[in-house]
Amino acid sequence: MEDEILTPPTPTMFRFPDEATGMAALDAAGLIATDEDGNQRPITASHHHALDIVATISKGGEWDPETGEVITPPTVLDGWHVNYLGPLPDGWEQYAVWPRNPTRQWATASPPLGEGYVRARDEEGKFLPDDPATPDVNEAWVKV
């Protein structure tokens, strides 16, 4: 009997409005476990998924090289972020994002939401690029 070789799902980045919403979505997807101390923790890996909790993202900032004191504080970006590899949980589509320059990601050349997406093409069959004016939408991929 031959083993079936499975194609892995596509990693996708998600931005929830806040940590509470993100944790509720993880819980609804069965991705929360209670540890021996009674604390709820995300399940970061299984045979079916991988989860990278990015949380809040800060960009920029300037610090004094000698004292370490903040000269210019970093900008905290909106949302609570996770990278996820696995079957897409119900309701998560609304939180999917495709930033042009991700802070942290898994390497992939696959479509943003896995199966059911193909590269967008024009009338001549040429690939369409992502529109930089819409950072939360990736026009290079379309749902079929």
C-alpha atoms as a PDB file:
ATOM      1  CA  MET A   1       0.000   0.000   0.000  1.00  0.00           C
ATOM      2  CA  GLU A   2       1.446   3.357  -1.019  1.00  0.00           C
ATOM      3  CA  ASP A   3       1.340   6.375   1.280  1.00  0.00           C
ATOM      4  CA  GLU A   4      -0.565   9.303  -0.128  1.00  0.00           C
ATOM      5  CA  ILE A   5       1.516  12.460  -0.427  1.00  0.00           C
ATOM      6  CA  LEU A   6      -0.545  15.401   0.741  1.00  0.00           C
ATOM      7  CA  THR A   7      -0.076  18.956  -0.461  1.00  0.00           C
ATOM      8  CA  PRO A   8       0.253  21.187   2.596  1.00  0.00           C
ATOM      9  CA  PRO A   9      -2.213  24.027   3.058  1.00  0.00           C
ATOM     10  CA  THR A  10      -1.119  27.579   2.418  1.00  0.00           C
ATOM     11  CA  PRO A  11       0.141  29.841   5.208  1.00  0.00           C
ATOM     12  CA  THR A  12      -2.052  32.893   5.664  1.00  0.00           C
ATOM     13  CA  MET A  13      -1.640  36.049   7.743  1.00  0.00           C
ATOM     14  CA  PHE A  14      -4.521  37.309   9.876  1.00  0.00           C
ATOM     15  CA  ARG A  15      -5.127  40.596  11.665  1.00  0.00           C
ATOM     16  CA  PHE A  16      -7.821  40.484  14.317  1.00  0.00           C
ATOM     17  CA  PRO A  17      -9.099  43.794  15.750  1.00  0.00           C
ATOM     18  CA  ASP A  18      -7.657  42.951  19.171  1.00  0.00           C
ATOM     19  CA  GLU A  19      -6.297  40.061  21.251  1.00  0.00           C
ATOM     20  CA  ALA A  20      -9.706  39.182  22.733  1.00  0.00           C
ATOM     21  CA  THR A  21     -11.222  38.762  19.251  1.00  0.00           C
ATOM     22  CA  GLY A  22      -8.207  36.750  18.090  1.00  0.00           C
ATOM     23  CA  MET A  23      -8.270  34.451  21.110  1.00  0.00           C
ATOM     24  CA  ALA A  24     -12.030  33.943  20.699  1.00  0.00           C
ATOM     25  CA  ALA A  25     -11.455  32.980  17.045  1.00  0.00           C
ATOM     26  CA  LEU A  26      -8.698  30.560  18.070  1.00  0.00           C
ATOM     27  CA  ASP A  27     -10.993  29.051  20.707  1.00  0.00           C
ATOM     28  CA  ALA A  28     -13.884  28.684  18.241  1.00  0.00           C
ATOM     29  CA  ALA A  29     -11.487  26.894  15.857  1.00  0.00           C
ATOM     30  CA  GLY A  30     -10.416  24.451  18.604  1.00  0.00           C
ATOM     31  CA  LEU A  31      -6.936  25.978  18.791  1.00  0.00           C
ATOM     32  CA  ILE A  32      -6.922  26.709  22.535  1.00  0.00           C
ATOM     33  CA  ALA A  33      -5.936  24.236  25.255  1.00  0.00           C
ATOM     34  CA  THR A  34      -5.850  24.533  29.030  1.00  0.00           C
ATOM     35  CA  ASP A  35      -2.448  23.792  30.579  1.00  0.00           C
ATOM     36  CA  GLU A  36      -1.791  21.998  33.880  1.00  0.00           C
ATOM     37  CA  ASP A  37      -2.039  25.325  35.770  1.00  0.00           C
ATOM     38  CA  GLY A  38      -5.477  26.068  34.308  1.00  0.00           C
ATOM     39  CA  ASN A  39      -4.220  28.727  31.878  1.00  0.00           C
ATOM     40  CA  GLN A  40      -5.588  28.832  28.358  1.00  0.00           C
ATOM     41  CA  ARG A  41      -2.873  28.686  25.713  1.00  0.00           C
ATOM     42  CA  PRO A  42      -2.961  28.581  21.914  1.00  0.00           C
ATOM     43  CA  ILE A  43      -2.092  25.223  20.386  1.00  0.00           C
ATOM     44  CA  THR A  44       0.773  26.288  18.136  1.00  0.00           C
ATOM     45  CA  ALA A  45       1.228  23.029  16.223  1.00  0.00           C
ATOM     46  CA  SER A  46      -0.395  19.699  15.491  1.00  0.00           C
ATOM     47  CA  HIS A  47      -0.416  17.219  12.637  1.00  0.00           C
ATOM     48  CA  HIS A  48      -2.955  19.484  10.948  1.00  0.00           C
ATOM     49  CA  HIS A  49      -1.849  23.041  11.624  1.00  0.00           C
ATOM     50  CA  ALA A  50       0.888  25.467  12.653  1.00  0.00           C
ATOM     51  CA  LEU A  51       0.166  28.743  14.417  1.00  0.00           C
ATOM     52  CA  ASP A  52       2.556  31.668  14.857  1.00  0.00           C
ATOM     53  CA  ILE A  53       1.272  34.264  17.325  1.00  0.00           C
ATOM     54  CA  VAL A  54       2.770  37.564  16.201  1.00  0.00           C
ATOM     55  CA  ALA A  55       0.491  39.646  18.505  1.00  0.00           C
ATOM     56  CA  THR A  56       0.994  43.416  18.232  1.00  0.00           C
ATOM     57  CA  ILE A  57       3.443  44.816  15.703  1.00  0.00           C
ATOM     58  CA  SER A  58       5.526  47.944  16.201  1.00  0.00           C
ATOM     59  CA  LYS A  59       7.507  49.714  13.494  1.00  0.00           C
ATOM     60  CA  GLY A  60      10.178  52.351  13.629  1.00  0.00           C
ATOM     61  CA  GLY A  61      11.372  54.118  16.724  1.00  0.00           C
ATOM     62  CA  GLU A  62      14.732  55.485  17.777  1.00  0.00           C
ATOM     63  CA  TRP A  63      16.779  54.779  20.910  1.00  0.00           C
ATOM     64  CA  ASP A  64      19.851  56.397  22.399  1.00  0.00           C
ATOM     65  CA  PRO A  65      22.687  53.939  21.644  1.00  0.00           C
ATOM     66  CA  GLU A  66      24.431  54.610  24.956  1.00  0.00           C
ATOM     67  CA  THR A  67      21.542  54.740  27.418  1.00  0.00           C
ATOM     68  CA  GLY A  68      18.872  52.796  25.541  1.00  0.00           C
ATOM     69  CA  GLU A  69      16.363  55.561  26.296  1.00  0.00           C
ATOM     70  CA  VAL A  70      13.579  56.075  23.774  1.00  0.00           C
ATOM     71  CA  ILE A  71      14.136  59.121  21.581  1.00  0.00           C
ATOM     72  CA  THR A  72      11.220  58.465  19.229  1.00  0.00           C
ATOM     73  CA  PRO A  73       8.728  55.782  20.255  1.00  0.00           C
ATOM     74  CA  PRO A  74       7.824  53.128  17.701  1.00  0.00           C
ATOM     75  CA  THR A  75       4.435  53.197  16.029  1.00  0.00           C
ATOM     76  CA  VAL A  76       2.139  50.377  17.148  1.00  0.00           C
ATOM     77  CA  LEU A  77       0.137  49.050  14.195  1.00  0.00           C
ATOM     78  CA  ASP A  78      -3.543  48.244  14.522  1.00  0.00           C
ATOM     79  CA  GLY A  79      -4.652  44.744  15.380  1.00  0.00           C
ATOM     80  CA  TRP A  80      -3.488  41.470  16.876  1.00  0.00           C
ATOM     81  CA  HIS A  81      -1.699  39.317  14.315  1.00  0.00           C
ATOM     82  CA  VAL A  82      -1.237  35.598  13.713  1.00  0.00           C
ATOM     83  CA  ASN A  83       0.221  33.516  10.910  1.00  0.00           C
ATOM     84  CA  TYR A  84      -1.616  30.244  10.359  1.00  0.00           C
ATOM     85  CA  LEU A  85      -0.944  27.138   8.297  1.00  0.00           C
ATOM     86  CA  GLY A  86      -3.769  24.645   8.071  1.00  0.00           C
ATOM     87  CA  PRO A  87      -7.377  24.289   6.986  1.00  0.00           C
ATOM     88  CA  LEU A  88      -8.989  27.722   7.081  1.00  0.00           C
ATOM     89  CA  PRO A  89     -11.210  28.008  10.184  1.00  0.00           C
ATOM     90  CA  ASP A  90     -14.790  29.187   9.665  1.00  0.00           C
ATOM     91  CA  GLY A  91     -15.171  32.963   9.760  1.00  0.00           C
ATOM     92  CA  TRP A  92     -11.477  33.768   9.509  1.00  0.00           C
ATOM     93  CA  GLU A  93     -11.693  35.028   5.905  1.00  0.00           C
ATOM     94  CA  GLN A  94     -12.692  38.484   7.127  1.00  0.00           C
ATOM     95  CA  TYR A  95      -9.426  38.805   9.080  1.00  0.00           C
ATOM     96  CA  ALA A  96      -7.029  37.664   6.325  1.00  0.00           C
ATOM     97  CA  VAL A  97      -4.480  40.277   5.252  1.00  0.00           C
ATOM     98  CA  TRP A  98      -1.733  40.379   2.645  1.00  0.00           C
ATOM     99  CA  PRO A  99       0.695  43.105   3.650  1.00  0.00           C
ATOM    100  CA  ARG A 100       3.150  44.146   0.966  1.00  0.00           C
ATOM    101  CA  ASN A 101       6.112  43.860   3.372  1.00  0.00           C
ATOM    102  CA  PRO A 102       5.156  41.405   6.136  1.00  0.00           C
ATOM    103  CA  THR A 103       6.900  41.708   9.475  1.00  0.00           C
ATOM    104  CA  ARG A 104       7.037  37.923   9.875  1.00  0.00           C
ATOM    105  CA  GLN A 105       5.856  35.160   7.552  1.00  0.00           C
ATOM    106  CA  TRP A 106       6.442  31.598   6.423  1.00  0.00           C
ATOM    107  CA  ALA A 107       7.952  31.256   2.957  1.00  0.00           C
ATOM    108  CA  THR A 108       5.349  30.484   0.302  1.00  0.00           C
ATOM    109  CA  ALA A 109       4.618  30.944  -3.340  1.00  0.00           C
ATOM    110  CA  SER A 110       1.071  29.691  -2.918  1.00  0.00           C
ATOM    111  CA  PRO A 111      -2.187  31.632  -2.947  1.00  0.00           C
ATOM    112  CA  PRO A 112      -3.212  33.540   0.163  1.00  0.00           C
ATOM    113  CA  LEU A 113      -6.138  31.405   1.293  1.00  0.00           C
ATOM    114  CA  GLY A 114      -5.211  27.961  -0.007  1.00  0.00           C
ATOM    115  CA  GLU A 115      -7.444  25.881  -2.214  1.00  0.00           C
ATOM    116  CA  GLY A 116     -10.023  27.666  -4.318  1.00  0.00           C
ATOM    117  CA  TYR A 117      -7.758  30.582  -5.302  1.00  0.00           C
ATOM    118  CA  VAL A 118      -5.894  31.114  -8.562  1.00  0.00           C
ATOM    119  CA  ARG A 119      -3.655  33.854  -9.910  1.00  0.00           C
ATOM    120  CA  ALA A 120      -5.664  36.709 -11.389  1.00  0.00           C
ATOM    121  CA  ARG A 121      -5.195  37.232 -15.129  1.00  0.00           C
ATOM    122  CA  ASP A 122      -6.166  39.899 -17.618  1.00  0.00           C
ATOM    123  CA  GLU A 123      -8.061  39.286 -20.887  1.00  0.00           C
ATOM    124  CA  GLU A 124      -4.806  38.241 -22.589  1.00  0.00           C
ATOM    125  CA  GLY A 125      -3.985  35.693 -19.880  1.00  0.00           C
ATOM    126  CA  LYS A 126      -1.184  37.725 -18.279  1.00  0.00           C
ATOM    127  CA  PHE A 127      -0.871  37.714 -14.493  1.00  0.00           C
ATOM    128  CA  LEU A 128      -2.344  40.749 -12.732  1.00  0.00           C
ATOM    129  CA  PRO A 129      -0.287  42.337  -9.949  1.00  0.00           C
ATOM    130  CA  ASP A 130      -1.428  43.264  -6.470  1.00  0.00           C
ATOM    131  CA  ASP A 131      -2.548  46.905  -6.161  1.00  0.00           C
ATOM    132  CA  PRO A 132      -0.290  48.750  -3.667  1.00  0.00           C
ATOM    133  CA  ALA A 133      -3.113  51.226  -2.951  1.00  0.00           C
ATOM    134  CA  THR A 134      -5.079  48.442  -1.196  1.00  0.00           C
ATOM    135  CA  PRO A 135      -2.675  46.881   1.352  1.00  0.00           C
ATOM    136  CA  ASP A 136      -5.328  44.604   2.921  1.00  0.00           C
ATOM    137  CA  VAL A 137      -6.506  43.111  -0.387  1.00  0.00           C
ATOM    138  CA  ASN A 138      -4.366  41.008  -2.713  1.00  0.00           C
ATOM    139  CA  GLU A 139      -5.746  41.504  -6.216  1.00  0.00           C
ATOM    140  CA  ALA A 140      -3.134  39.088  -7.607  1.00  0.00           C
ATOM    141  CA  TRP A 141      -5.320  36.177  -6.425  1.00  0.00           C
ATOM    142  CA  VAL A 142      -9.006  35.494  -7.108  1.00  0.00           C
ATOM    143  CA  LYS A 143     -11.402  32.961  -5.625  1.00  0.00           C
ATOM    144  CA  VAL A 144     -12.759  30.393  -8.088  1.00  0.00           C
END
